[in-house]
Amino acid sequence: LGAFRSILIAVQDRALAALARSLGEQALRPGCVVLHTSGSLSSALLRAELPPDVAVGGAHPVYPFSGSHLPDPAGMPLAVEGEAAAVQRAEALAELLGMGSFRVDSEGKALYHAGLALLSNGAVALFASAESMLIQAGVTSAEARPLLLELLAATRRNLAEASPLDALTGPIKRGDEQVAAAHMAAVAAALP
């Protein structure tokens, strides 16, 4: 490892501390940059384990990885944080791969990642609930999924063009309390 100018660590968060400790026991090249891909952990974890002549940082790809599919990184956002040399190396990596990059505060990594997880996993959970409701209402499974996918795509387009408040639709947007109350009653009856 002593010959490397850069090391990129891509492991599950629970394995990062042990790997950083092990890496800290190696003879690393002075000026080496060590980056990790964790979205929720900051580079402080690496700093605690690595020698001071090694720059540490984070380079988190913003993408909902859910299986073995590895997407083309071109156009994917990359969140970077850490020490100056590590941030510069992460931004250079992003440029090399055709990614966009942005900076996130090291101290805010957990909150940043919680926001991403809320949107990605929350959308999946809401989709599953909506699909179940449509099927209970008599829409076939084969019809419900494409219908909801198109609705989700249209909602994404609305969000791309307007603020979240302005992207609201239906009874919530109109302030139609009667319809909203009917929705809540129907959901309570169907999903007690």
Protein backbone atom coordinates (compact mmCIF):
# COMPACT_ATOMS: atom_id res chain seq x y z
CA LEU A 1 0.00 0.00 0.00
CA GLY A 2 2.96 2.29 0.50
CA ALA A 3 3.17 3.05 -3.22
CA PHE A 4 -0.41 4.27 -3.62
CA ARG A 5 -1.18 8.00 -3.89
CA SER A 6 -4.91 7.38 -3.36
CA ILE A 7 -6.98 4.74 -1.61
CA LEU A 8 -10.77 4.53 -1.98
CA ILE A 9 -12.61 2.49 0.65
CA ALA A 10 -16.05 1.17 -0.28
CA VAL A 11 -17.33 -1.03 2.53
CA GLN A 12 -20.43 -1.13 4.70
CA ASP A 13 -20.38 1.51 7.43
CA ARG A 14 -20.10 -1.10 10.19
CA ALA A 15 -16.81 -2.34 8.67
CA LEU A 16 -15.21 1.07 8.14
CA ALA A 17 -13.66 1.59 11.60
CA ALA A 18 -11.93 -1.81 11.64
CA LEU A 19 -10.67 -1.33 8.10
CA ALA A 20 -9.38 2.17 8.95
CA ARG A 21 -7.60 0.74 12.02
CA SER A 22 -5.99 -1.95 9.87
CA LEU A 23 -5.00 0.61 7.25
CA GLY A 24 -3.46 2.75 9.97
CA GLU A 25 -1.11 -0.13 10.79
CA GLN A 26 0.24 -0.13 7.22
CA ALA A 27 3.12 1.99 5.91
CA LEU A 28 1.23 4.51 3.80
CA ARG A 29 2.91 6.93 1.43
CA PRO A 30 3.22 10.45 2.91
CA GLY A 31 0.68 12.67 1.16
CA CYS A 32 -1.52 9.70 0.33
CA VAL A 33 -5.24 10.50 0.18
CA VAL A 34 -7.67 8.04 1.75
CA LEU A 35 -11.34 8.47 0.83
CA HIS A 36 -14.34 6.46 1.97
CA THR A 37 -17.74 6.22 0.30
CA SER A 38 -19.95 6.25 3.40
CA GLY A 39 -22.84 8.67 3.24
CA SER A 40 -23.41 8.86 6.97
CA LEU A 41 -19.92 8.68 8.47
CA SER A 42 -17.52 11.59 8.28
CA SER A 43 -13.83 11.52 7.53
CA ALA A 44 -13.18 12.06 11.27
CA LEU A 45 -13.39 8.27 11.62
CA LEU A 46 -10.43 7.91 9.23
CA ARG A 47 -8.55 10.81 10.83
CA ALA A 48 -8.64 9.03 14.20
CA GLU A 49 -6.91 5.94 12.75
CA LEU A 50 -4.51 7.24 10.08
CA PRO A 51 -1.21 9.11 10.39
CA PRO A 52 -1.24 12.91 10.11
CA ASP A 53 0.70 12.92 6.82
CA VAL A 54 -2.23 11.16 5.12
CA ALA A 55 -5.19 13.29 3.96
CA VAL A 56 -8.65 11.89 4.67
CA GLY A 57 -12.05 12.56 3.17
CA GLY A 58 -15.38 11.23 2.08
CA ALA A 59 -16.70 10.75 -1.46
CA HIS A 60 -20.33 9.59 -1.33
CA PRO A 61 -22.15 8.83 -4.60
CA VAL A 62 -25.78 9.96 -4.39
CA TYR A 63 -27.56 6.95 -5.87
CA PRO A 64 -30.08 4.44 -4.50
CA PHE A 65 -27.96 1.28 -4.73
CA SER A 66 -30.40 -1.58 -4.14
CA GLY A 67 -28.79 -4.62 -5.70
CA SER A 68 -25.92 -5.79 -7.81
CA HIS A 69 -26.57 -3.31 -10.64
CA LEU A 70 -23.70 -0.84 -10.94
CA PRO A 71 -24.87 2.27 -12.77
CA ASP A 72 -22.77 4.44 -15.04
CA PRO A 73 -21.43 7.15 -12.71
CA ALA A 74 -21.61 9.85 -15.42
CA GLY A 75 -23.92 12.61 -14.21
CA MET A 76 -24.27 11.10 -10.74
CA PRO A 77 -23.73 13.59 -7.89
CA LEU A 78 -20.80 12.97 -5.54
CA ALA A 79 -20.86 14.47 -2.04
CA VAL A 80 -17.36 15.31 -0.83
CA GLU A 81 -16.02 16.31 2.58
CA GLY A 82 -12.83 16.18 4.56
CA GLU A 83 -9.40 17.72 4.51
CA ALA A 84 -8.46 20.05 1.64
CA ALA A 85 -6.18 17.64 -0.24
CA ALA A 86 -8.76 14.85 0.05
CA VAL A 87 -11.59 17.10 -1.13
CA GLN A 88 -9.50 18.15 -4.14
CA ARG A 89 -8.75 14.51 -4.98
CA ALA A 90 -12.43 13.54 -4.62
CA GLU A 91 -13.49 16.42 -6.88
CA ALA A 92 -10.87 15.37 -9.45
CA LEU A 93 -12.19 11.80 -9.31
CA ALA A 94 -15.72 13.09 -9.86
CA GLU A 95 -14.59 15.10 -12.87
CA LEU A 96 -12.68 12.12 -14.30
CA LEU A 97 -15.81 9.94 -14.03
CA GLY A 98 -18.14 12.61 -15.44
CA MET A 99 -19.87 13.08 -12.10
CA GLY A 100 -21.00 16.31 -10.55
CA SER A 101 -19.65 17.07 -7.10
CA PHE A 102 -20.78 19.17 -4.17
CA ARG A 103 -19.50 19.69 -0.65
CA VAL A 104 -21.21 18.67 2.56
CA ASP A 105 -20.14 19.60 6.09
CA SER A 106 -18.31 16.75 7.79
CA GLU A 107 -20.31 17.34 10.97
CA GLY A 108 -23.57 17.16 9.01
CA LYS A 109 -22.98 13.82 7.28
CA ALA A 110 -25.49 11.84 9.35
CA LEU A 111 -28.23 14.44 8.77
CA TYR A 112 -27.35 14.69 5.07
CA HIS A 113 -27.57 10.92 4.67
CA ALA A 114 -30.78 10.72 6.70
CA GLY A 115 -32.35 13.18 4.24
CA LEU A 116 -31.31 11.04 1.28
CA ALA A 117 -32.50 7.83 2.94
CA LEU A 118 -35.80 9.46 3.92
CA LEU A 119 -36.52 10.40 0.33
CA SER A 120 -35.33 7.19 -1.31
CA ASN A 121 -36.67 4.66 1.18
CA GLY A 122 -39.68 6.81 2.05
CA ALA A 123 -40.69 6.92 -1.61
CA VAL A 124 -40.40 3.13 -1.81
CA ALA A 125 -42.49 2.67 1.35
CA LEU A 126 -45.13 5.12 0.13
CA PHE A 127 -45.18 3.40 -3.26
CA ALA A 128 -45.76 0.00 -1.63
CA SER A 129 -48.57 1.42 0.52
CA ALA A 130 -50.20 3.15 -2.43
CA GLU A 131 -49.94 -0.01 -4.53
CA SER A 132 -51.62 -2.01 -1.77
CA MET A 133 -54.42 0.56 -1.49
CA LEU A 134 -55.10 0.52 -5.23
CA ILE A 135 -55.19 -3.28 -5.29
CA GLN A 136 -57.60 -3.30 -2.31
CA ALA A 137 -59.74 -0.82 -4.26
CA GLY A 138 -60.01 -3.23 -7.21
CA VAL A 139 -57.17 -2.10 -9.48
CA THR A 140 -55.18 -5.10 -10.69
CA SER A 141 -51.56 -5.48 -9.67
CA ALA A 142 -50.57 -5.35 -13.35
CA GLU A 143 -52.34 -1.98 -13.69
CA ALA A 144 -51.38 -0.46 -10.33
CA ARG A 145 -47.61 -0.54 -10.70
CA PRO A 146 -47.31 1.25 -14.08
CA LEU A 147 -50.01 3.73 -13.07
CA LEU A 148 -48.14 4.62 -9.87
CA LEU A 149 -44.78 4.75 -11.64
CA GLU A 150 -46.19 7.34 -14.06
CA LEU A 151 -47.67 9.30 -11.15
CA LEU A 152 -44.30 9.23 -9.41
CA ALA A 153 -42.56 10.41 -12.59
CA ALA A 154 -45.06 13.28 -12.94
CA THR A 155 -44.52 14.22 -9.30
CA ARG A 156 -40.77 14.29 -9.92
CA ARG A 157 -41.33 16.60 -12.90
CA ASN A 158 -43.50 18.87 -10.73
CA LEU A 159 -40.76 19.01 -8.10
CA ALA A 160 -38.16 19.82 -10.76
CA GLU A 161 -40.23 22.84 -11.82
CA ALA A 162 -41.62 24.11 -8.52
CA SER A 163 -41.02 24.28 -4.78
CA PRO A 164 -42.31 21.38 -2.68
CA LEU A 165 -45.23 23.52 -1.50
CA ASP A 166 -46.15 24.45 -5.07
CA ALA A 167 -45.76 20.83 -6.23
CA LEU A 168 -48.55 19.63 -3.92
CA THR A 169 -51.72 18.55 -5.75
CA GLY A 170 -55.26 17.36 -5.16
CA PRO A 171 -57.25 17.99 -2.00
CA ILE A 172 -54.19 19.10 -0.03
CA LYS A 173 -53.40 21.81 -2.58
CA ARG A 174 -57.05 22.87 -2.78
CA GLY A 175 -57.57 22.79 0.98
CA ASP A 176 -60.47 20.37 0.48
CA GLU A 177 -60.86 19.11 4.04
CA GLN A 178 -63.87 16.94 3.20
CA VAL A 179 -61.97 14.90 0.61
CA ALA A 180 -58.90 14.69 2.87
CA ALA A 181 -61.09 13.42 5.71
CA ALA A 182 -62.67 10.82 3.39
CA HIS A 183 -59.16 9.68 2.41
CA MET A 184 -58.14 9.28 6.06
CA ALA A 185 -61.32 7.35 6.86
CA ALA A 186 -60.85 5.02 3.87
CA VAL A 187 -57.22 4.34 4.80
CA ALA A 188 -58.13 3.73 8.47
CA ALA A 189 -60.84 1.26 7.42
CA ALA A 190 -58.63 -0.57 4.92
CA LEU A 191 -55.39 -0.61 6.92
CA PRO A 192 -56.37 -0.70 10.61
